[in-house]
Amino acid sequence: MHKSLAIGAVLAASLAGTAMAQDWQPSEPVTIVVPWSAGGSTDSVTRVVAEVLTEAIGQTFVVVNQPGASGSVGTRSVWEAPHDGMMFAAGAAADLGAYPVMDMLDVPIADRQLYLHVANPSLVSVPADSPYQDFGELLEALQTTDVAITASSAGLTSAGAISLDAIDTAAGGINYQQITYEGGAPAVTSTVAGETQMTAQTAVEQVDMIRAGRLRPLAVVADTALELEGFGSVPPITDWLPDVAVAPNYFGLFLPADAPAEVIATMDEVWATVIPESERMRAYASERAALFNPSHGEAAQAAAMPFLQINAWQQFDSGAGPNDPSEFGIPRPDE
């Protein structure tokens, strides 16, 4: 079959909800390891992606949660498994690329095949009964308090931790104590329950609590406002900190780059033809305040790099990451 006709057939079959024709035809279920607890941003979107892949490829994609050590435990298990295409890792590309800097997993991001789907902005939010009505009030408290304000995150390389570090740097120092949890969902729940005074986890993880009136979003960690369906507009953090480091935080699936060629070719074609047209993925992104912008290969590596640079160099400059990011192909953001 002519290549252009084959691609058209693939797309039509997928949209009809039937398995696509492909070179890779796994004979048993494929595992996607989510290295965080259930209910967080990685878990929720990966379950949607797994459904789409199951229909497109004609074999079940099973999601398994394996949290631990800021996501590095589950990610390591995929790398140490046979590189046969039967096991993917899921998560944020900025976490994946920063693990070598943090001495958690000595595998540079260039050794991965990335399949990105959404970018998840972070929100700085407080409990509904918090005295802070806008980010300016919270920022003033963070800069003047003698008692550290507690802030929840999903781990040292999580979106929440990266955002807190960025705020700390842009503000010239803030007084906060980071409390880490095994995923974004428990981190957000801790702030809702009043165990912590603020969170900066992703909007995906917070939207339900915001719509329920249990969290108050004060700012989106971006340079433009976030229109949150069912709530309204959340102002950009740059209204208060114009020099804060911001970039899209892309999530996706990760496969060892030396996986079989037929696996990569099939996944590349799915990502080029099926994923961009998926109404389920678009609906998820719209409902969960995520940016739907799928990419793979070199385009995905380029899309992931800006937020990875922010993360990796913040970790290194703070002393949390002992290894120089440039050794792993991660230049400073301003270079």
Protein backbone atom coordinates (compact mmCIF):
# COMPACT_ATOMS: atom_id res chain seq x y z
CA MET A 1 0.00 0.00 0.00
CA HIS A 2 1.24 3.49 -0.81
CA LYS A 3 2.54 5.25 2.35
CA SER A 4 0.03 8.13 2.20
CA LEU A 5 -2.85 5.70 1.77
CA ALA A 6 -1.58 3.63 4.70
CA ILE A 7 -1.52 6.62 7.01
CA GLY A 8 -5.02 7.59 5.96
CA ALA A 9 -6.24 4.07 6.67
CA VAL A 10 -4.59 4.10 10.08
CA LEU A 11 -6.31 7.33 11.05
CA ALA A 12 -9.70 6.25 9.76
CA ALA A 13 -9.52 2.93 11.58
CA SER A 14 -8.51 4.55 14.84
CA LEU A 15 -11.22 7.17 14.70
CA ALA A 16 -13.72 4.39 14.12
CA GLY A 17 -12.54 2.78 17.37
CA THR A 18 -10.89 -0.26 15.75
CA ALA A 19 -7.31 -1.46 15.83
CA MET A 20 -4.93 0.11 13.31
CA ALA A 21 -2.69 -1.80 10.95
CA GLN A 22 0.91 -1.62 12.13
CA ASP A 23 4.30 -3.31 12.04
CA TRP A 24 4.34 -3.79 15.83
CA GLN A 25 1.67 -6.22 17.03
CA PRO A 26 2.32 -7.07 20.70
CA SER A 27 1.04 -10.51 21.65
CA GLU A 28 0.41 -9.61 25.30
CA PRO A 29 -0.62 -6.50 27.27
CA VAL A 30 1.80 -3.57 27.33
CA THR A 31 2.62 -1.99 30.72
CA ILE A 32 2.76 1.75 31.36
CA VAL A 33 4.40 2.53 34.69
CA VAL A 34 3.14 5.68 36.38
CA PRO A 35 5.85 6.45 38.97
CA TRP A 36 3.42 8.36 41.20
CA SER A 37 0.36 7.46 43.24
CA ALA A 38 -3.11 7.22 41.70
CA GLY A 39 -5.13 10.37 41.06
CA GLY A 40 -2.33 12.79 40.19
CA SER A 41 -1.64 14.58 36.93
CA THR A 42 0.48 11.79 35.43
CA ASP A 43 -1.94 9.07 36.48
CA SER A 44 -5.11 10.75 35.21
CA VAL A 45 -3.86 11.62 31.73
CA THR A 46 -2.01 8.31 31.29
CA ARG A 47 -5.21 6.36 31.82
CA VAL A 48 -6.82 8.30 28.96
CA VAL A 49 -3.77 7.73 26.74
CA ALA A 50 -3.82 4.01 27.56
CA GLU A 51 -7.40 3.74 26.31
CA VAL A 52 -6.53 5.48 23.05
CA LEU A 53 -3.46 3.27 22.50
CA THR A 54 -5.43 0.11 23.29
CA GLU A 55 -7.87 0.92 20.48
CA ALA A 56 -5.23 2.13 18.03
CA ILE A 57 -2.80 -0.78 18.42
CA GLY A 58 -5.25 -3.57 19.20
CA GLN A 59 -3.62 -4.71 22.44
CA THR A 60 -4.36 -3.69 26.03
CA PHE A 61 -2.16 -1.03 27.61
CA VAL A 62 -2.19 -1.52 31.39
CA VAL A 63 -1.38 1.32 33.81
CA VAL A 64 0.57 0.34 36.93
CA ASN A 65 1.35 2.81 39.74
CA GLN A 66 4.83 2.49 41.23
CA PRO A 67 5.60 5.59 43.33
CA GLY A 68 8.78 6.40 45.22
CA ALA A 69 11.77 8.78 45.33
CA SER A 70 10.20 11.62 43.33
CA GLY A 71 9.13 9.25 40.57
CA SER A 72 12.57 7.75 40.00
CA VAL A 73 11.71 4.29 41.39
CA GLY A 74 9.09 3.49 38.76
CA THR A 75 11.08 5.18 36.01
CA ARG A 76 14.15 3.12 36.91
CA SER A 77 12.13 -0.11 36.82
CA VAL A 78 11.22 0.58 33.18
CA TRP A 79 14.81 1.33 32.21
CA GLU A 80 16.09 -1.82 33.92
CA ALA A 81 13.46 -4.02 32.25
CA PRO A 82 14.15 -5.48 28.77
CA HIS A 83 14.12 -2.74 26.13
CA ASP A 84 11.59 -4.64 24.05
CA GLY A 85 8.80 -2.04 23.88
CA MET A 86 6.58 -3.88 26.33
CA MET A 87 7.06 -1.39 29.15
CA PHE A 88 6.75 2.41 29.01
CA ALA A 89 7.31 5.01 31.71
CA ALA A 90 4.98 7.98 32.12
CA GLY A 91 5.49 11.38 33.70
CA ALA A 92 6.83 14.87 33.21
CA ALA A 93 9.79 15.25 30.86
CA ALA A 94 11.37 17.73 33.29
CA ASP A 95 11.48 15.03 35.97
CA LEU A 96 12.89 12.46 33.57
CA GLY A 97 15.68 14.75 32.40
CA ALA A 98 16.61 15.92 35.90
CA TYR A 99 17.12 12.47 37.45
CA PRO A 100 20.81 12.31 36.37
CA VAL A 101 21.39 15.76 37.91
CA MET A 102 19.82 14.54 41.14
CA ASP A 103 21.87 11.29 41.11
CA MET A 104 18.63 9.32 40.97
CA LEU A 105 19.02 7.61 37.59
CA ASP A 106 22.05 7.94 35.34
CA VAL A 107 20.23 8.07 32.00
CA PRO A 108 20.17 11.33 29.98
CA ILE A 109 16.92 12.36 28.34
CA ALA A 110 18.55 11.97 24.91
CA ASP A 111 18.55 8.20 25.50
CA ARG A 112 14.73 8.19 25.61
CA GLN A 113 12.12 8.29 22.90
CA LEU A 114 9.56 10.87 24.08
CA TYR A 115 5.83 10.85 23.29
CA LEU A 116 4.46 14.07 24.77
CA HIS A 117 0.77 14.96 24.89
CA VAL A 118 -0.17 17.77 27.32
CA ALA A 119 1.53 20.59 29.17
CA ASN A 120 0.26 21.13 32.71
CA PRO A 121 0.59 24.60 34.26
CA SER A 122 1.09 24.89 38.01
CA LEU A 123 -1.20 26.90 40.26
CA VAL A 124 -0.29 28.55 43.54
CA SER A 125 -3.30 27.82 45.72
CA VAL A 126 -4.32 28.01 49.36
CA PRO A 127 -7.17 26.46 51.37
CA ALA A 128 -10.54 28.15 50.94
CA ASP A 129 -10.38 29.51 54.51
CA SER A 130 -6.87 30.93 54.11
CA PRO A 131 -6.39 34.61 54.98
CA TYR A 132 -4.52 35.18 51.69
CA GLN A 133 -6.87 36.59 49.06
CA ASP A 134 -4.38 37.10 46.24
CA PHE A 135 -0.81 36.12 45.43
CA GLY A 136 0.52 39.51 46.48
CA GLU A 137 -0.66 38.93 50.05
CA LEU A 138 0.83 35.44 50.11
CA LEU A 139 4.11 36.67 48.66
CA GLU A 140 4.38 39.39 51.29
CA ALA A 141 3.83 36.78 54.00
CA LEU A 142 6.43 34.47 52.48
CA GLN A 143 8.96 37.31 52.45
CA THR A 144 8.29 38.65 55.95
CA THR A 145 7.18 35.76 58.16
CA ASP A 146 9.42 34.47 60.93
CA VAL A 147 7.68 31.09 60.83
CA ALA A 148 8.05 29.12 57.60
CA ILE A 149 4.87 28.70 55.57
CA THR A 150 4.29 25.04 54.76
CA ALA A 151 3.94 24.12 51.08
CA SER A 152 3.03 20.71 49.71
CA SER A 153 4.64 19.07 46.68
CA ALA A 154 4.85 15.68 45.02
CA GLY A 155 8.61 15.47 45.49
CA LEU A 156 11.86 17.32 44.88
CA THR A 157 11.60 17.25 41.06
CA SER A 158 7.81 17.63 40.86
CA ALA A 159 5.97 20.53 39.23
CA GLY A 160 5.15 21.92 42.67
CA ALA A 161 8.75 21.85 43.84
CA ILE A 162 10.03 23.41 40.61
CA SER A 163 7.49 26.24 40.90
CA LEU A 164 8.35 26.87 44.56
CA ASP A 165 12.05 27.06 43.66
CA ALA A 166 11.29 29.47 40.82
CA ILE A 167 9.26 31.72 43.13
CA ASP A 168 12.02 31.61 45.75
CA THR A 169 14.63 32.67 43.18
CA ALA A 170 12.54 35.42 41.57
CA ALA A 171 11.50 36.85 44.94
CA GLY A 172 15.03 36.94 46.27
CA GLY A 173 14.19 34.40 48.96
CA ILE A 174 10.99 33.27 50.67
CA ASN A 175 10.47 31.49 53.97
CA TYR A 176 8.71 28.19 53.30
CA GLN A 177 8.98 24.58 54.35
CA GLN A 178 8.33 22.06 51.60
CA ILE A 179 6.40 18.97 52.67
CA THR A 180 6.69 16.18 50.09
CA TYR A 181 4.16 13.45 49.28
CA GLU A 182 4.14 10.42 46.97
CA GLY A 183 2.23 12.18 44.22
CA GLY A 184 0.31 15.31 43.32
CA ALA A 185 -3.07 14.06 44.54
CA PRO A 186 -2.01 13.55 48.19
CA ALA A 187 -0.04 16.80 48.07
CA VAL A 188 -3.13 18.75 47.01
CA THR A 189 -5.30 16.89 49.52
CA SER A 190 -2.94 17.96 52.31
CA THR A 191 -3.51 21.61 51.45
CA VAL A 192 -7.27 21.14 51.20
CA ALA A 193 -7.21 19.52 54.66
CA GLY A 194 -5.11 22.29 56.16
CA GLU A 195 -2.06 20.10 56.80
CA THR A 196 -0.12 22.50 54.59
CA GLN A 197 -0.77 26.19 53.94
CA MET A 198 -0.22 26.27 50.19
CA THR A 199 0.54 24.14 47.15
CA ALA A 200 1.98 24.79 43.71
CA GLN A 201 1.06 21.50 42.06
CA THR A 202 -0.49 21.32 38.60
CA ALA A 203 -3.89 22.69 37.70
CA VAL A 204 -4.95 19.17 36.64
CA GLU A 205 -4.50 18.01 40.23
CA GLN A 206 -6.33 20.99 41.71
CA VAL A 207 -9.29 21.72 39.44
CA ASP A 208 -11.82 19.52 41.23
CA MET A 209 -11.06 21.09 44.61
CA ILE A 210 -11.11 24.57 43.11
CA ARG A 211 -14.50 24.01 41.48
CA ALA A 212 -15.78 22.56 44.76
CA GLY A 213 -14.73 25.73 46.58
CA ARG A 214 -12.16 23.99 48.76
CA LEU A 215 -9.06 25.60 47.24
CA ARG A 216 -8.46 29.22 46.25
CA PRO A 217 -6.09 29.61 43.27
CA LEU A 218 -4.02 32.77 43.58
CA ALA A 219 -1.78 32.64 40.49
CA VAL A 220 -0.85 30.41 37.58
CA VAL A 221 2.90 29.89 37.18
CA ALA A 222 2.94 31.29 33.65
CA ASP A 223 3.13 34.63 31.85
CA THR A 224 -0.51 34.59 30.74
CA ALA A 225 -3.76 34.11 32.67
CA LEU A 226 -5.36 30.69 32.87
CA GLU A 227 -9.05 30.42 32.01
CA LEU A 228 -10.29 27.69 34.31
CA GLU A 229 -13.56 26.14 33.15
CA GLY A 230 -16.14 26.31 35.93
CA PHE A 231 -14.19 28.89 37.89
CA GLY A 232 -12.93 31.85 35.87
CA SER A 233 -9.60 33.52 35.20
CA VAL A 234 -6.49 32.91 37.32
CA PRO A 235 -3.91 35.72 36.96
CA PRO A 236 -0.32 35.01 35.88
CA ILE A 237 2.37 35.02 38.53
CA THR A 238 4.33 37.48 36.39
CA ASP A 239 1.88 40.18 37.53
CA TRP A 240 3.85 40.08 40.81
CA LEU A 241 7.16 38.47 39.80
CA PRO A 242 7.91 39.53 36.20
CA ASP A 243 11.27 37.73 36.13
CA VAL A 244 10.09 34.34 37.37
CA ALA A 245 11.24 31.40 35.23
CA VAL A 246 8.29 29.89 33.38
CA ALA A 247 7.93 27.39 30.51
CA PRO A 248 5.44 24.69 29.44
CA ASN A 249 5.66 21.57 31.63
CA TYR A 250 5.16 18.69 29.19
CA PHE A 251 3.96 15.22 30.19
CA GLY A 252 4.05 12.03 28.16
CA LEU A 253 5.22 8.46 27.70
CA PHE A 254 8.89 7.46 27.60
CA LEU A 255 10.51 4.52 25.86
CA PRO A 256 14.22 3.58 25.75
CA ALA A 257 15.57 4.95 22.47
CA ASP A 258 17.07 1.54 21.65
CA ALA A 259 13.68 -0.20 21.70
CA PRO A 260 12.92 -2.28 18.59
CA ALA A 261 12.57 -0.21 15.43
CA GLU A 262 9.08 -1.54 14.70
CA VAL A 263 7.86 -0.40 18.13
CA ILE A 264 9.20 3.12 17.64
CA ALA A 265 7.88 3.31 14.06
CA THR A 266 4.40 2.28 15.16
CA MET A 267 4.34 4.67 18.13
CA ASP A 268 5.64 7.50 15.93
CA GLU A 269 2.81 6.91 13.46
CA VAL A 270 0.20 6.77 16.24
CA TRP A 271 1.53 10.03 17.66
CA ALA A 272 1.53 11.68 14.24
CA THR A 273 -1.95 10.58 13.13
CA VAL A 274 -4.09 9.25 15.97
CA ILE A 275 -3.23 11.16 19.14
CA PRO A 276 -3.61 14.67 17.62
CA GLU A 277 -7.13 13.77 16.43
CA SER A 278 -8.28 12.11 19.65
CA GLU A 279 -11.44 13.71 20.98
CA ARG A 280 -10.90 12.02 24.34
CA MET A 281 -7.52 13.68 24.69
CA ARG A 282 -8.94 17.06 23.67
CA ALA A 283 -11.82 16.72 26.11
CA TYR A 284 -9.46 15.76 28.92
CA ALA A 285 -7.23 18.77 28.27
CA SER A 286 -10.18 21.16 28.11
CA GLU A 287 -11.74 19.86 31.31
CA ARG A 288 -8.47 19.67 33.26
CA ALA A 289 -6.96 23.02 32.20
CA ALA A 290 -4.10 21.41 30.25
CA LEU A 291 -2.52 22.44 26.93
CA PHE A 292 -2.98 19.66 24.36
CA ASN A 293 0.08 19.77 22.09
CA PRO A 294 1.34 16.27 21.15
CA SER A 295 4.84 15.76 19.78
CA HIS A 296 7.43 13.01 19.45
CA GLY A 297 11.04 12.51 18.40
CA GLU A 298 13.21 15.58 17.96
CA ALA A 299 10.22 17.92 18.29
CA ALA A 300 9.41 16.44 21.70
CA GLN A 301 13.00 16.77 22.88
CA ALA A 302 12.93 20.46 21.87
CA ALA A 303 9.53 21.07 23.51
CA ALA A 304 10.64 19.47 26.78
CA MET A 305 13.95 21.30 27.09
CA PRO A 306 12.91 24.79 28.38
CA PHE A 307 11.17 23.51 31.52
CA LEU A 308 13.83 20.83 32.00
CA GLN A 309 16.49 23.56 31.95
CA ILE A 310 14.63 25.47 34.67
CA ASN A 311 14.29 22.37 36.81
CA ALA A 312 17.78 20.95 36.36
CA TRP A 313 19.64 24.21 36.95
CA GLN A 314 17.50 25.18 39.93
CA GLN A 315 18.33 21.80 41.48
CA PHE A 316 22.04 22.17 40.75
CA ASP A 317 22.37 25.80 41.84
CA SER A 318 20.54 25.11 45.10
CA GLY A 319 22.81 22.18 45.90
CA ALA A 320 19.96 19.67 45.79
CA GLY A 321 21.34 18.22 42.56
CA PRO A 322 25.05 17.34 42.81
CA ASN A 323 25.72 16.87 39.08
CA ASP A 324 26.27 19.63 36.51
CA PRO A 325 23.30 19.60 34.06
CA SER A 326 25.56 20.53 31.14
CA GLU A 327 27.18 17.09 31.46
CA PHE A 328 23.83 15.66 30.37
CA GLY A 329 23.22 18.03 27.48
CA ILE A 330 21.15 20.55 29.45
CA PRO A 331 22.40 24.14 28.92
CA ARG A 332 21.55 26.96 31.28
CA PRO A 333 18.22 28.63 30.36
CA ASP A 334 19.97 31.88 29.35
CA GLU A 335 22.61 30.25 27.15
